[in-house]
C-alpha atoms as a PDB file:
ATOM      1  CA  MET A   1     113.935 103.997  86.974  1.00  0.00           C
ATOM      2  CA  LYS A   2     111.587 103.376  89.947  1.00  0.00           C
ATOM      3  CA  THR A   3     113.322 103.757  93.600  1.00  0.00           C
ATOM      4  CA  GLU A   4     111.424 102.802  96.481  1.00  0.00           C
ATOM      5  CA  GLU A   5     109.638 106.319  96.906  1.00  0.00           C
ATOM      6  CA  LYS A   6     109.842 107.708  93.447  1.00  0.00           C
ATOM      7  CA  ILE A   7     109.793 107.457  89.718  1.00  0.00           C
ATOM      8  CA  ILE A   8     112.342 109.182  87.804  1.00  0.00           C
ATOM      9  CA  CYS A   9     112.963 109.703  84.203  1.00  0.00           C
ATOM     10  CA  ASN A  10     116.224 108.155  83.283  1.00  0.00           C
ATOM     11  CA  ILE A  11     116.830 110.537  80.365  1.00  0.00           C
ATOM     12  CA  CYS A  12     116.279 113.795  82.072  1.00  0.00           C
ATOM     13  CA  GLY A  13     115.874 113.211  85.417  1.00  0.00           C
ATOM     14  CA  LYS A  14     112.543 114.429  86.159  1.00  0.00           C
ATOM     15  CA  VAL A  15     110.850 113.053  89.252  1.00  0.00           C
ATOM     16  CA  ILE A  16     107.168 111.597  88.018  1.00  0.00           C
ATOM     17  CA  SER A  17     105.139 112.816  91.009  1.00  0.00           C
ATOM     18  CA  GLU A  18     102.821 110.319  92.683  1.00  0.00           C
ATOM     19  CA  LYS A  19      99.599 110.426  94.755  1.00  0.00           C
ATOM     20  CA  GLY A  20      99.965 107.789  96.924  1.00  0.00           C
ATOM     21  CA  ALA A  21     101.077 105.176  94.811  1.00  0.00           C
ATOM     22  CA  ILE A  22      99.385 106.395  91.881  1.00  0.00           C
ATOM     23  CA  PRO A  23     101.798 108.677  89.071  1.00  0.00           C
ATOM     24  CA  THR A  24      99.948 111.980  88.624  1.00  0.00           C
ATOM     25  CA  ALA A  25     101.806 112.030  85.120  1.00  0.00           C
ATOM     26  CA  ASP A  26     102.212 109.176  82.355  1.00  0.00           C
ATOM     27  CA  TYR A  27     105.358 107.735  81.454  1.00  0.00           C
ATOM     28  CA  LEU A  28     106.718 104.928  79.661  1.00  0.00           C
ATOM     29  CA  HIS A  29     108.470 101.836  81.795  1.00  0.00           C
ATOM     30  CA  VAL A  30     110.298  99.643  79.584  1.00  0.00           C
ATOM     31  CA  GLU A  31     111.661  95.877  80.987  1.00  0.00           C
ATOM     32  CA  LYS A  32     113.855  93.670  78.899  1.00  0.00           C
ATOM     33  CA  GLU A  33     115.425  90.310  79.682  1.00  0.00           C
ATOM     34  CA  TRP A  34     118.436  89.803  77.209  1.00  0.00           C
ATOM     35  CA  GLY A  35     118.424  86.098  75.645  1.00  0.00           C
ATOM     36  CA  TYR A  36     120.840  83.933  74.354  1.00  0.00           C
ATOM     37  CA  PHE A  37     121.797  85.671  70.878  1.00  0.00           C
ATOM     38  CA  SER A  38     122.489  89.378  72.581  1.00  0.00           C
ATOM     39  CA  ARG A  39     125.931  90.188  74.334  1.00  0.00           C
ATOM     40  CA  LYS A  40     123.348  90.855  77.286  1.00  0.00           C
ATOM     41  CA  ASP A  41     122.223  87.312  77.868  1.00  0.00           C
ATOM     42  CA  GLY A  42     121.301  86.737  81.509  1.00  0.00           C
ATOM     43  CA  GLN A  43     120.695  90.611  82.112  1.00  0.00           C
ATOM     44  CA  LYS A  44     117.393  92.557  82.919  1.00  0.00           C
ATOM     45  CA  GLN A  45     117.515  96.036  82.206  1.00  0.00           C
ATOM     46  CA  GLU A  46     114.603  98.428  83.262  1.00  0.00           C
ATOM     47  CA  PHE A  47     114.003 102.084  82.466  1.00  0.00           C
ATOM     48  CA  ASP A  48     111.175 104.834  82.773  1.00  0.00           C
ATOM     49  CA  LEU A  49     110.507 107.822  80.702  1.00  0.00           C
ATOM     50  CA  CYS A  50     108.562 110.836  80.988  1.00  0.00           C
ATOM     51  CA  GLU A  51     106.267 111.807  78.506  1.00  0.00           C
ATOM     52  CA  SER A  52     108.540 114.951  76.801  1.00  0.00           C
ATOM     53  CA  CYS A  53     111.545 112.576  76.637  1.00  0.00           C
ATOM     54  CA  TYR A  54     109.482 109.965  74.978  1.00  0.00           C
ATOM     55  CA  ASP A  55     108.417 112.333  72.330  1.00  0.00           C
ATOM     56  CA  ALA A  56     112.227 113.315  71.451  1.00  0.00           C
ATOM     57  CA  TRP A  57     113.192 109.835  71.671  1.00  0.00           C
ATOM     58  CA  VAL A  58     110.858 108.509  69.136  1.00  0.00           C
ATOM     59  CA  LYS A  59     111.453 111.634  66.836  1.00  0.00           C
ATOM     60  CA  THR A  60     115.275 110.420  66.467  1.00  0.00           C
ATOM     61  CA  MET A  61     113.962 106.422  65.142  1.00  0.00           C
ATOM     62  CA  GLN A  62     114.371 105.949  61.443  1.00  0.00           C
ATOM     63  CA  VAL A  63     111.021 103.958  61.237  1.00  0.00           C
ATOM     64  CA  PRO A  64     108.268 105.985  62.644  1.00  0.00           C
ATOM     65  CA  VAL A  65     105.932 104.694  65.603  1.00  0.00           C
ATOM     66  CA  THR A  66     102.689 103.409  64.400  1.00  0.00           C
ATOM     67  CA  THR A  67      99.494 105.300  66.132  1.00  0.00           C
ATOM     68  CA  GLN A  68      96.311 104.206  66.751  1.00  0.00           C
ATOM     69  CA  GLU A  69      93.250 106.123  67.992  1.00  0.00           C
ATOM     70  CA  VAL A  70      91.868 104.495  70.741  1.00  0.00           C
ATOM     71  CA  THR A  71      88.439 105.749  72.108  1.00  0.00           C
ATOM     72  CA  GLU A  72      87.713 103.458  74.705  1.00  0.00           C
ATOM     73  CA  LEU A  73      89.691 104.525  77.909  1.00  0.00           C
ATOM     74  CA  VAL A  74      89.970 102.034  80.666  1.00  0.00           C
END
């Protein structure tokens, strides 16, 4: 959850620190606009996860997340 001043992990509440406007740790930001065939039609939801909570979350998934090695970092 990004407030005007900081980014907060929606699971554990950890503040993802920033230096200026640049995060000093990586995190996952998700935005979803729900459509016609959902019970949330017309809603937009957002959340942020720190890397530790992301790792714990994906371990609970029945189908594993696919991973690819990236050799060119931008």
